Amino acid sequence: MRSPYSSIINKNIMLQLNKSLATNTVAFYPEVVTSASLVYFSGSQDYNRNTVSFSADVISNYLTSPWVISQISGSSLPDASGFYTFNIYEYITGTPLIWDQVNVQWQLETSVWDSAAGFSIGDLLTTERAFNSGSDGSTFTQYVSSNENGYYTTYIG
């Protein structure tokens, strides 16, 4: 169902992400009504098109506001700083597993097959731009001592 707020809310936002934070809290406006408790970000860096995906917990959804507020672990964010474009989907838990689409080895599976459940991607909620402050920034060495007080004189003429 299309959101009733779609014509009155300015959706031109950019998500701010920071890998060095333990938790990033972001808000986005979904194009469809959702009551999901998890969302799935899938996208790529705008510069080199490297793909990235991660999930996020929803702490406030359509039931309380037209905005979805989610929390993302900093450790799940990409290392590379820069601009990204993300498709944000509902992330549905408890979906039945399909035999030929599961990547768990038979010997490693511990649950009874017909009670095993996984995750699946639901409806596309929105597409958003984001800026990520990653961990690939340049490091600068500062040499500070008491005898580095140089000066220069400029002559005109």
N, C-alpha and C. Protein backbone atom coordinates (compact mmCIF):
# COMPACT_ATOMS: atom_id res chain seq x y z
N MET A 1 0.84 -1.17 0.00
CA MET A 1 0.00 0.00 0.00
C MET A 1 0.89 1.24 0.00
N ARG A 2 0.60 2.17 -0.87
CA ARG A 2 1.36 3.41 -0.96
C ARG A 2 1.10 4.26 0.27
N SER A 3 2.12 4.92 0.75
CA SER A 3 2.00 5.73 1.95
C SER A 3 1.13 6.97 1.69
N PRO A 4 0.25 7.32 2.61
CA PRO A 4 -0.59 8.52 2.43
C PRO A 4 0.19 9.82 2.55
N TYR A 5 1.42 9.77 3.06
CA TYR A 5 2.22 10.98 3.24
C TYR A 5 3.09 11.30 2.03
N SER A 6 3.04 10.50 0.99
CA SER A 6 4.00 10.61 -0.10
C SER A 6 4.00 11.96 -0.80
N SER A 7 2.89 12.70 -0.77
CA SER A 7 2.86 13.98 -1.49
C SER A 7 3.22 15.18 -0.61
N ILE A 8 3.34 15.00 0.71
CA ILE A 8 3.58 16.16 1.57
C ILE A 8 4.94 16.16 2.26
N ILE A 9 5.71 15.12 2.12
CA ILE A 9 6.99 15.05 2.81
C ILE A 9 8.13 15.24 1.83
N ASN A 10 9.06 16.13 2.18
CA ASN A 10 10.26 16.35 1.37
C ASN A 10 11.20 15.18 1.62
N LYS A 11 11.44 14.39 0.58
CA LYS A 11 12.24 13.18 0.74
C LYS A 11 13.67 13.36 0.25
N ASN A 12 14.08 14.59 -0.03
CA ASN A 12 15.44 14.83 -0.50
C ASN A 12 16.39 14.88 0.69
N ILE A 13 16.79 13.72 1.14
CA ILE A 13 17.68 13.63 2.29
C ILE A 13 18.91 12.83 1.90
N MET A 14 19.94 12.93 2.71
CA MET A 14 21.11 12.08 2.53
C MET A 14 21.43 11.47 3.89
N LEU A 15 21.54 10.16 3.92
CA LEU A 15 21.88 9.47 5.16
C LEU A 15 23.34 9.72 5.48
N GLN A 16 23.64 9.92 6.75
CA GLN A 16 25.02 10.10 7.21
C GLN A 16 25.42 8.86 7.98
N LEU A 17 26.45 8.15 7.50
CA LEU A 17 26.93 6.93 8.14
C LEU A 17 28.38 7.12 8.57
N ASN A 18 28.75 6.49 9.68
CA ASN A 18 30.11 6.63 10.19
C ASN A 18 30.56 5.29 10.74
N LYS A 19 31.55 4.68 10.09
CA LYS A 19 32.04 3.36 10.48
C LYS A 19 32.62 3.34 11.88
N SER A 20 33.18 4.47 12.35
CA SER A 20 33.82 4.47 13.67
C SER A 20 32.81 4.53 14.82
N LEU A 21 31.54 4.80 14.54
CA LEU A 21 30.52 4.79 15.59
C LEU A 21 30.05 3.36 15.84
N ALA A 22 29.78 3.04 17.08
CA ALA A 22 29.26 1.70 17.39
C ALA A 22 27.89 1.50 16.76
N THR A 23 27.05 2.53 16.81
CA THR A 23 25.69 2.46 16.26
C THR A 23 25.38 3.73 15.50
N ASN A 24 24.89 3.59 14.30
CA ASN A 24 24.43 4.71 13.48
C ASN A 24 22.91 4.69 13.46
N THR A 25 22.28 5.82 13.74
CA THR A 25 20.83 5.92 13.69
C THR A 25 20.46 6.78 12.49
N VAL A 26 19.64 6.24 11.60
CA VAL A 26 19.23 6.96 10.39
C VAL A 26 17.72 6.90 10.25
N ALA A 27 17.17 7.88 9.56
CA ALA A 27 15.74 7.91 9.27
C ALA A 27 15.55 8.03 7.77
N PHE A 28 14.56 7.33 7.26
CA PHE A 28 14.23 7.44 5.84
C PHE A 28 12.72 7.32 5.70
N TYR A 29 12.22 7.85 4.60
CA TYR A 29 10.79 7.83 4.34
C TYR A 29 10.50 6.72 3.31
N PRO A 30 9.75 5.69 3.70
CA PRO A 30 9.45 4.62 2.75
C PRO A 30 8.36 5.01 1.77
N GLU A 31 8.45 4.49 0.57
CA GLU A 31 7.43 4.74 -0.45
C GLU A 31 6.18 3.89 -0.22
N VAL A 32 6.31 2.82 0.56
CA VAL A 32 5.18 1.95 0.88
C VAL A 32 5.09 1.81 2.40
N VAL A 33 3.92 1.50 2.88
CA VAL A 33 3.70 1.31 4.30
C VAL A 33 4.40 0.02 4.73
N THR A 34 5.10 0.08 5.86
CA THR A 34 5.79 -1.11 6.36
C THR A 34 5.70 -1.19 7.87
N SER A 35 5.68 -2.40 8.37
CA SER A 35 5.75 -2.61 9.81
C SER A 35 6.93 -3.53 10.11
N ALA A 36 7.92 -3.56 9.23
CA ALA A 36 9.08 -4.45 9.36
C ALA A 36 9.88 -4.11 10.62
N SER A 37 10.50 -5.12 11.20
CA SER A 37 11.38 -4.89 12.34
C SER A 37 12.85 -4.91 11.93
N LEU A 38 13.11 -5.32 10.70
CA LEU A 38 14.45 -5.28 10.13
C LEU A 38 14.37 -4.73 8.71
N VAL A 39 15.42 -4.04 8.29
CA VAL A 39 15.52 -3.58 6.90
C VAL A 39 16.86 -4.03 6.33
N TYR A 40 16.93 -4.11 5.02
CA TYR A 40 18.11 -4.60 4.32
C TYR A 40 18.57 -3.52 3.35
N PHE A 41 19.81 -3.06 3.52
CA PHE A 41 20.41 -2.06 2.64
C PHE A 41 21.25 -2.78 1.60
N SER A 42 21.01 -2.51 0.34
CA SER A 42 21.78 -3.10 -0.74
C SER A 42 22.13 -1.99 -1.72
N GLY A 43 23.41 -1.79 -1.98
CA GLY A 43 23.77 -0.70 -2.87
C GLY A 43 25.20 -0.75 -3.31
N SER A 44 25.67 0.39 -3.78
CA SER A 44 27.05 0.47 -4.27
C SER A 44 27.61 1.86 -4.03
N GLN A 45 28.93 1.91 -4.00
CA GLN A 45 29.60 3.19 -3.89
C GLN A 45 29.48 3.91 -5.23
N ASP A 46 29.18 5.20 -5.19
CA ASP A 46 28.96 5.94 -6.43
C ASP A 46 30.24 6.08 -7.27
N TYR A 47 31.40 6.09 -6.63
CA TYR A 47 32.66 6.31 -7.34
C TYR A 47 33.09 5.08 -8.15
N ASN A 48 33.17 3.93 -7.49
CA ASN A 48 33.72 2.76 -8.18
C ASN A 48 32.73 1.60 -8.33
N ARG A 49 31.51 1.80 -7.89
CA ARG A 49 30.43 0.82 -8.02
C ARG A 49 30.67 -0.48 -7.25
N ASN A 50 31.56 -0.47 -6.24
CA ASN A 50 31.70 -1.64 -5.38
C ASN A 50 30.40 -1.84 -4.61
N THR A 51 29.91 -3.07 -4.59
CA THR A 51 28.62 -3.34 -3.95
C THR A 51 28.80 -3.62 -2.46
N VAL A 52 27.76 -3.31 -1.72
CA VAL A 52 27.76 -3.53 -0.27
C VAL A 52 26.33 -3.80 0.16
N SER A 53 26.16 -4.64 1.18
CA SER A 53 24.82 -4.89 1.73
C SER A 53 24.96 -5.21 3.22
N PHE A 54 23.93 -4.83 3.98
CA PHE A 54 23.90 -5.09 5.42
C PHE A 54 22.47 -4.92 5.90
N SER A 55 22.20 -5.45 7.08
CA SER A 55 20.86 -5.31 7.65
C SER A 55 20.90 -4.30 8.80
N ALA A 56 19.72 -3.81 9.17
CA ALA A 56 19.61 -2.83 10.25
C ALA A 56 18.34 -3.09 11.03
N ASP A 57 18.40 -2.83 12.33
CA ASP A 57 17.22 -2.95 13.18
C ASP A 57 16.34 -1.72 13.02
N VAL A 58 15.04 -1.93 12.99
CA VAL A 58 14.09 -0.82 12.93
C VAL A 58 13.67 -0.50 14.37
N ILE A 59 13.83 0.77 14.76
CA ILE A 59 13.42 1.15 16.12
C ILE A 59 12.13 1.95 16.12
N SER A 60 11.72 2.44 14.97
CA SER A 60 10.44 3.14 14.84
C SER A 60 9.98 2.99 13.39
N ASN A 61 8.74 2.55 13.21
CA ASN A 61 8.25 2.36 11.85
C ASN A 61 6.93 3.08 11.64
N TYR A 62 6.25 2.75 10.58
CA TYR A 62 5.04 3.44 10.16
C TYR A 62 3.95 3.47 11.23
N LEU A 63 3.99 2.54 12.15
CA LEU A 63 2.95 2.50 13.18
C LEU A 63 3.05 3.70 14.11
N THR A 64 4.24 4.31 14.22
CA THR A 64 4.42 5.46 15.12
C THR A 64 4.70 6.76 14.38
N SER A 65 5.13 6.71 13.13
CA SER A 65 5.51 7.90 12.37
C SER A 65 5.59 7.53 10.90
N PRO A 66 5.50 8.51 9.98
CA PRO A 66 5.66 8.17 8.56
C PRO A 66 7.11 7.85 8.21
N TRP A 67 8.05 8.14 9.09
CA TRP A 67 9.47 7.85 8.86
C TRP A 67 9.83 6.53 9.50
N VAL A 68 10.76 5.82 8.88
CA VAL A 68 11.32 4.62 9.49
C VAL A 68 12.68 5.00 10.06
N ILE A 69 12.87 4.71 11.34
CA ILE A 69 14.14 5.00 12.00
C ILE A 69 14.81 3.67 12.28
N SER A 70 16.04 3.55 11.83
CA SER A 70 16.75 2.28 12.01
C SER A 70 18.14 2.52 12.58
N GLN A 71 18.67 1.47 13.18
CA GLN A 71 20.02 1.50 13.75
C GLN A 71 20.90 0.49 13.04
N ILE A 72 22.08 0.97 12.65
CA ILE A 72 23.03 0.17 11.89
C ILE A 72 24.31 0.06 12.69
N SER A 73 24.84 -1.12 12.83
CA SER A 73 26.11 -1.32 13.51
C SER A 73 27.24 -0.75 12.65
N GLY A 74 28.12 0.03 13.26
CA GLY A 74 29.25 0.60 12.52
C GLY A 74 30.14 -0.47 11.90
N SER A 75 30.24 -1.62 12.56
CA SER A 75 31.10 -2.69 12.03
C SER A 75 30.54 -3.30 10.74
N SER A 76 29.26 -3.11 10.45
CA SER A 76 28.70 -3.67 9.22
C SER A 76 28.81 -2.71 8.04
N LEU A 77 29.26 -1.48 8.29
CA LEU A 77 29.39 -0.50 7.21
C LEU A 77 30.67 -0.73 6.41
N PRO A 78 30.70 -0.28 5.17
CA PRO A 78 31.91 -0.47 4.35
C PRO A 78 33.08 0.36 4.86
N ASP A 79 34.29 -0.11 4.57
CA ASP A 79 35.50 0.62 4.97
C ASP A 79 35.70 1.88 4.14
N ALA A 80 35.32 1.84 2.90
CA ALA A 80 35.60 2.95 1.99
C ALA A 80 34.69 4.14 2.26
N SER A 81 35.29 5.31 2.43
CA SER A 81 34.52 6.54 2.58
C SER A 81 33.96 6.96 1.23
N GLY A 82 32.88 7.72 1.25
CA GLY A 82 32.35 8.26 0.02
C GLY A 82 30.85 8.20 -0.05
N PHE A 83 30.34 8.51 -1.24
CA PHE A 83 28.90 8.53 -1.48
C PHE A 83 28.43 7.17 -1.96
N TYR A 84 27.27 6.77 -1.47
CA TYR A 84 26.67 5.48 -1.81
C TYR A 84 25.22 5.70 -2.20
N THR A 85 24.69 4.79 -3.00
CA THR A 85 23.26 4.75 -3.31
C THR A 85 22.75 3.40 -2.84
N PHE A 86 21.73 3.42 -1.97
CA PHE A 86 21.20 2.19 -1.39
C PHE A 86 19.73 2.00 -1.74
N ASN A 87 19.39 0.77 -2.10
CA ASN A 87 18.00 0.34 -2.12
C ASN A 87 17.74 -0.24 -0.74
N ILE A 88 16.66 0.17 -0.12
CA ILE A 88 16.33 -0.31 1.23
C ILE A 88 15.07 -1.15 1.14
N TYR A 89 15.18 -2.39 1.61
CA TYR A 89 14.10 -3.37 1.51
C TYR A 89 13.63 -3.79 2.91
N GLU A 90 12.42 -4.33 2.97
CA GLU A 90 12.00 -5.04 4.18
C GLU A 90 12.86 -6.29 4.27
N TYR A 91 13.24 -6.67 5.48
CA TYR A 91 14.02 -7.90 5.69
C TYR A 91 13.15 -8.81 6.53
N ILE A 92 12.68 -9.88 5.92
CA ILE A 92 11.68 -10.74 6.54
C ILE A 92 12.36 -11.94 7.17
N THR A 93 12.11 -12.14 8.47
CA THR A 93 12.69 -13.28 9.19
C THR A 93 11.68 -14.41 9.23
N GLY A 94 12.20 -15.60 9.45
CA GLY A 94 11.33 -16.76 9.59
C GLY A 94 10.80 -17.31 8.29
N THR A 95 11.40 -16.94 7.17
CA THR A 95 10.94 -17.44 5.89
C THR A 95 11.42 -18.88 5.71
N PRO A 96 10.57 -19.75 5.19
CA PRO A 96 11.01 -21.13 4.98
C PRO A 96 12.20 -21.19 4.02
N LEU A 97 13.12 -22.08 4.32
CA LEU A 97 14.29 -22.25 3.45
C LEU A 97 13.92 -23.08 2.24
N ILE A 98 14.51 -22.75 1.10
CA ILE A 98 14.30 -23.50 -0.14
C ILE A 98 15.56 -24.32 -0.40
N TRP A 99 15.37 -25.59 -0.61
CA TRP A 99 16.48 -26.54 -0.65
C TRP A 99 17.63 -26.12 -1.55
N ASP A 100 17.39 -25.77 -2.78
CA ASP A 100 18.49 -25.48 -3.69
C ASP A 100 18.99 -24.03 -3.61
N GLN A 101 18.46 -23.23 -2.66
CA GLN A 101 18.91 -21.86 -2.51
C GLN A 101 19.63 -21.61 -1.19
N VAL A 102 19.90 -22.66 -0.44
CA VAL A 102 20.56 -22.53 0.86
C VAL A 102 22.03 -22.86 0.70
N ASN A 103 22.89 -22.06 1.34
CA ASN A 103 24.33 -22.30 1.20
C ASN A 103 24.94 -22.97 2.43
N VAL A 104 24.13 -23.61 3.26
CA VAL A 104 24.62 -24.33 4.43
C VAL A 104 24.87 -25.79 4.03
N GLN A 105 26.05 -26.30 4.38
CA GLN A 105 26.35 -27.69 4.05
C GLN A 105 25.45 -28.62 4.87
N TRP A 106 25.09 -29.72 4.28
CA TRP A 106 24.19 -30.67 4.92
C TRP A 106 24.71 -31.09 6.30
N GLN A 107 25.98 -31.36 6.41
CA GLN A 107 26.56 -31.81 7.67
C GLN A 107 26.52 -30.73 8.75
N LEU A 108 26.49 -29.45 8.36
CA LEU A 108 26.52 -28.36 9.32
C LEU A 108 25.14 -27.89 9.77
N GLU A 109 24.10 -28.29 9.07
CA GLU A 109 22.74 -27.89 9.43
C GLU A 109 22.33 -28.62 10.70
N THR A 110 21.85 -27.86 11.69
CA THR A 110 21.51 -28.47 12.98
C THR A 110 20.01 -28.56 13.23
N SER A 111 19.21 -27.84 12.45
CA SER A 111 17.76 -27.86 12.71
C SER A 111 17.06 -28.85 11.78
N VAL A 112 15.89 -29.27 12.19
CA VAL A 112 15.07 -30.14 11.35
C VAL A 112 14.65 -29.33 10.13
N TRP A 113 14.74 -29.91 8.94
CA TRP A 113 14.58 -29.14 7.71
C TRP A 113 13.25 -28.39 7.64
N ASP A 114 12.14 -29.03 7.96
CA ASP A 114 10.87 -28.32 7.80
C ASP A 114 10.62 -27.29 8.89
N SER A 115 11.50 -27.20 9.90
CA SER A 115 11.35 -26.13 10.90
C SER A 115 12.46 -25.09 10.74
N ALA A 116 13.37 -25.29 9.80
CA ALA A 116 14.45 -24.33 9.57
C ALA A 116 13.89 -23.08 8.90
N ALA A 117 14.43 -21.94 9.28
CA ALA A 117 13.94 -20.68 8.70
C ALA A 117 15.12 -19.75 8.47
N GLY A 118 14.94 -18.86 7.54
CA GLY A 118 16.00 -17.91 7.22
C GLY A 118 15.45 -16.52 7.03
N PHE A 119 16.12 -15.75 6.20
CA PHE A 119 15.72 -14.39 5.90
C PHE A 119 15.40 -14.29 4.42
N SER A 120 14.52 -13.38 4.09
CA SER A 120 14.27 -13.08 2.69
C SER A 120 14.04 -11.58 2.54
N ILE A 121 14.26 -11.10 1.34
CA ILE A 121 14.09 -9.68 1.06
C ILE A 121 12.65 -9.45 0.63
N GLY A 122 12.01 -8.46 1.26
CA GLY A 122 10.62 -8.15 0.95
C GLY A 122 10.52 -6.98 -0.01
N ASP A 123 9.53 -6.14 0.20
CA ASP A 123 9.26 -5.01 -0.68
C ASP A 123 10.38 -3.97 -0.64
N LEU A 124 10.61 -3.34 -1.78
CA LEU A 124 11.51 -2.19 -1.84
C LEU A 124 10.82 -1.03 -1.14
N LEU A 125 11.46 -0.49 -0.10
CA LEU A 125 10.88 0.62 0.65
C LEU A 125 11.23 1.97 0.04
N THR A 126 12.50 2.14 -0.33
CA THR A 126 12.95 3.40 -0.90
C THR A 126 14.36 3.24 -1.44
N THR A 127 14.81 4.23 -2.16
CA THR A 127 16.21 4.32 -2.60
C THR A 127 16.75 5.63 -2.05
N GLU A 128 17.88 5.56 -1.36
CA GLU A 128 18.45 6.74 -0.70
C GLU A 128 19.93 6.88 -1.03
N ARG A 129 20.40 8.11 -1.00
CA ARG A 129 21.84 8.39 -1.08
C ARG A 129 22.38 8.45 0.34
N ALA A 130 23.65 8.14 0.49
CA ALA A 130 24.28 8.18 1.81
C ALA A 130 25.73 8.59 1.66
N PHE A 131 26.24 9.25 2.69
CA PHE A 131 27.67 9.51 2.77
C PHE A 131 28.21 8.69 3.92
N ASN A 132 29.22 7.89 3.64
CA ASN A 132 29.83 7.03 4.65
C ASN A 132 31.21 7.56 5.00
N SER A 133 31.44 7.80 6.28
CA SER A 133 32.79 8.12 6.78
C SER A 133 33.42 6.80 7.16
N GLY A 134 34.25 6.29 6.28
CA GLY A 134 34.83 4.97 6.48
C GLY A 134 36.12 5.01 7.28
N SER A 135 36.85 3.92 7.20
CA SER A 135 38.11 3.82 7.94
C SER A 135 39.31 3.86 7.00
N ASP A 136 39.11 4.36 5.79
CA ASP A 136 40.21 4.40 4.82
C ASP A 136 40.83 5.78 4.69
N GLY A 137 40.56 6.65 5.63
CA GLY A 137 41.08 8.02 5.57
C GLY A 137 42.59 8.06 5.70
N SER A 138 43.18 9.13 5.18
CA SER A 138 44.62 9.30 5.29
C SER A 138 45.01 9.59 6.73
N THR A 139 46.19 9.12 7.09
CA THR A 139 46.70 9.44 8.42
C THR A 139 47.80 10.47 8.27
N PHE A 140 47.85 11.38 9.18
CA PHE A 140 48.85 12.45 9.16
C PHE A 140 49.71 12.34 10.41
N THR A 141 51.00 12.46 10.22
CA THR A 141 51.92 12.46 11.35
C THR A 141 52.29 13.90 11.67
N GLN A 142 52.09 14.29 12.90
CA GLN A 142 52.45 15.64 13.32
C GLN A 142 53.73 15.56 14.14
N TYR A 143 54.67 16.41 13.78
CA TYR A 143 55.91 16.49 14.52
C TYR A 143 55.86 17.79 15.33
N VAL A 144 55.70 17.67 16.60
CA VAL A 144 55.57 18.85 17.44
C VAL A 144 56.73 18.87 18.43
N SER A 145 57.47 19.95 18.39
CA SER A 145 58.54 20.13 19.36
C SER A 145 58.68 21.63 19.65
N SER A 146 59.51 21.98 20.60
CA SER A 146 59.63 23.37 21.03
C SER A 146 60.45 24.23 20.07
N ASN A 147 61.20 23.66 19.13
CA ASN A 147 62.06 24.46 18.26
C ASN A 147 61.55 24.55 16.82
N GLU A 148 60.25 24.49 16.62
CA GLU A 148 59.69 24.56 15.28
C GLU A 148 58.95 25.87 15.04
N ASN A 149 59.45 26.95 15.61
CA ASN A 149 58.80 28.24 15.47
C ASN A 149 59.51 29.07 14.40
N GLY A 150 59.45 28.64 13.17
CA GLY A 150 60.10 29.36 12.08
C GLY A 150 59.27 30.54 11.61
N TYR A 151 59.91 31.46 10.90
CA TYR A 151 59.19 32.59 10.32
C TYR A 151 59.89 33.00 9.04
N TYR A 152 59.22 33.80 8.25
CA TYR A 152 59.82 34.29 7.02
C TYR A 152 59.40 35.74 6.82
N THR A 153 60.18 36.43 6.02
CA THR A 153 59.90 37.84 5.72
C THR A 153 59.66 37.98 4.25
N THR A 154 58.62 38.71 3.88
CA THR A 154 58.29 38.94 2.49
C THR A 154 58.59 40.39 2.17
N TYR A 155 59.38 40.62 1.11
CA TYR A 155 59.70 41.98 0.68
C TYR A 155 58.96 42.30 -0.59
N ILE A 156 58.40 43.47 -0.64
CA ILE A 156 57.70 43.91 -1.85
C ILE A 156 58.63 44.87 -2.59
N GLY A 157 58.85 44.64 -3.84
CA GLY A 157 59.62 45.60 -4.61
C GLY A 157 60.68 45.00 -5.34
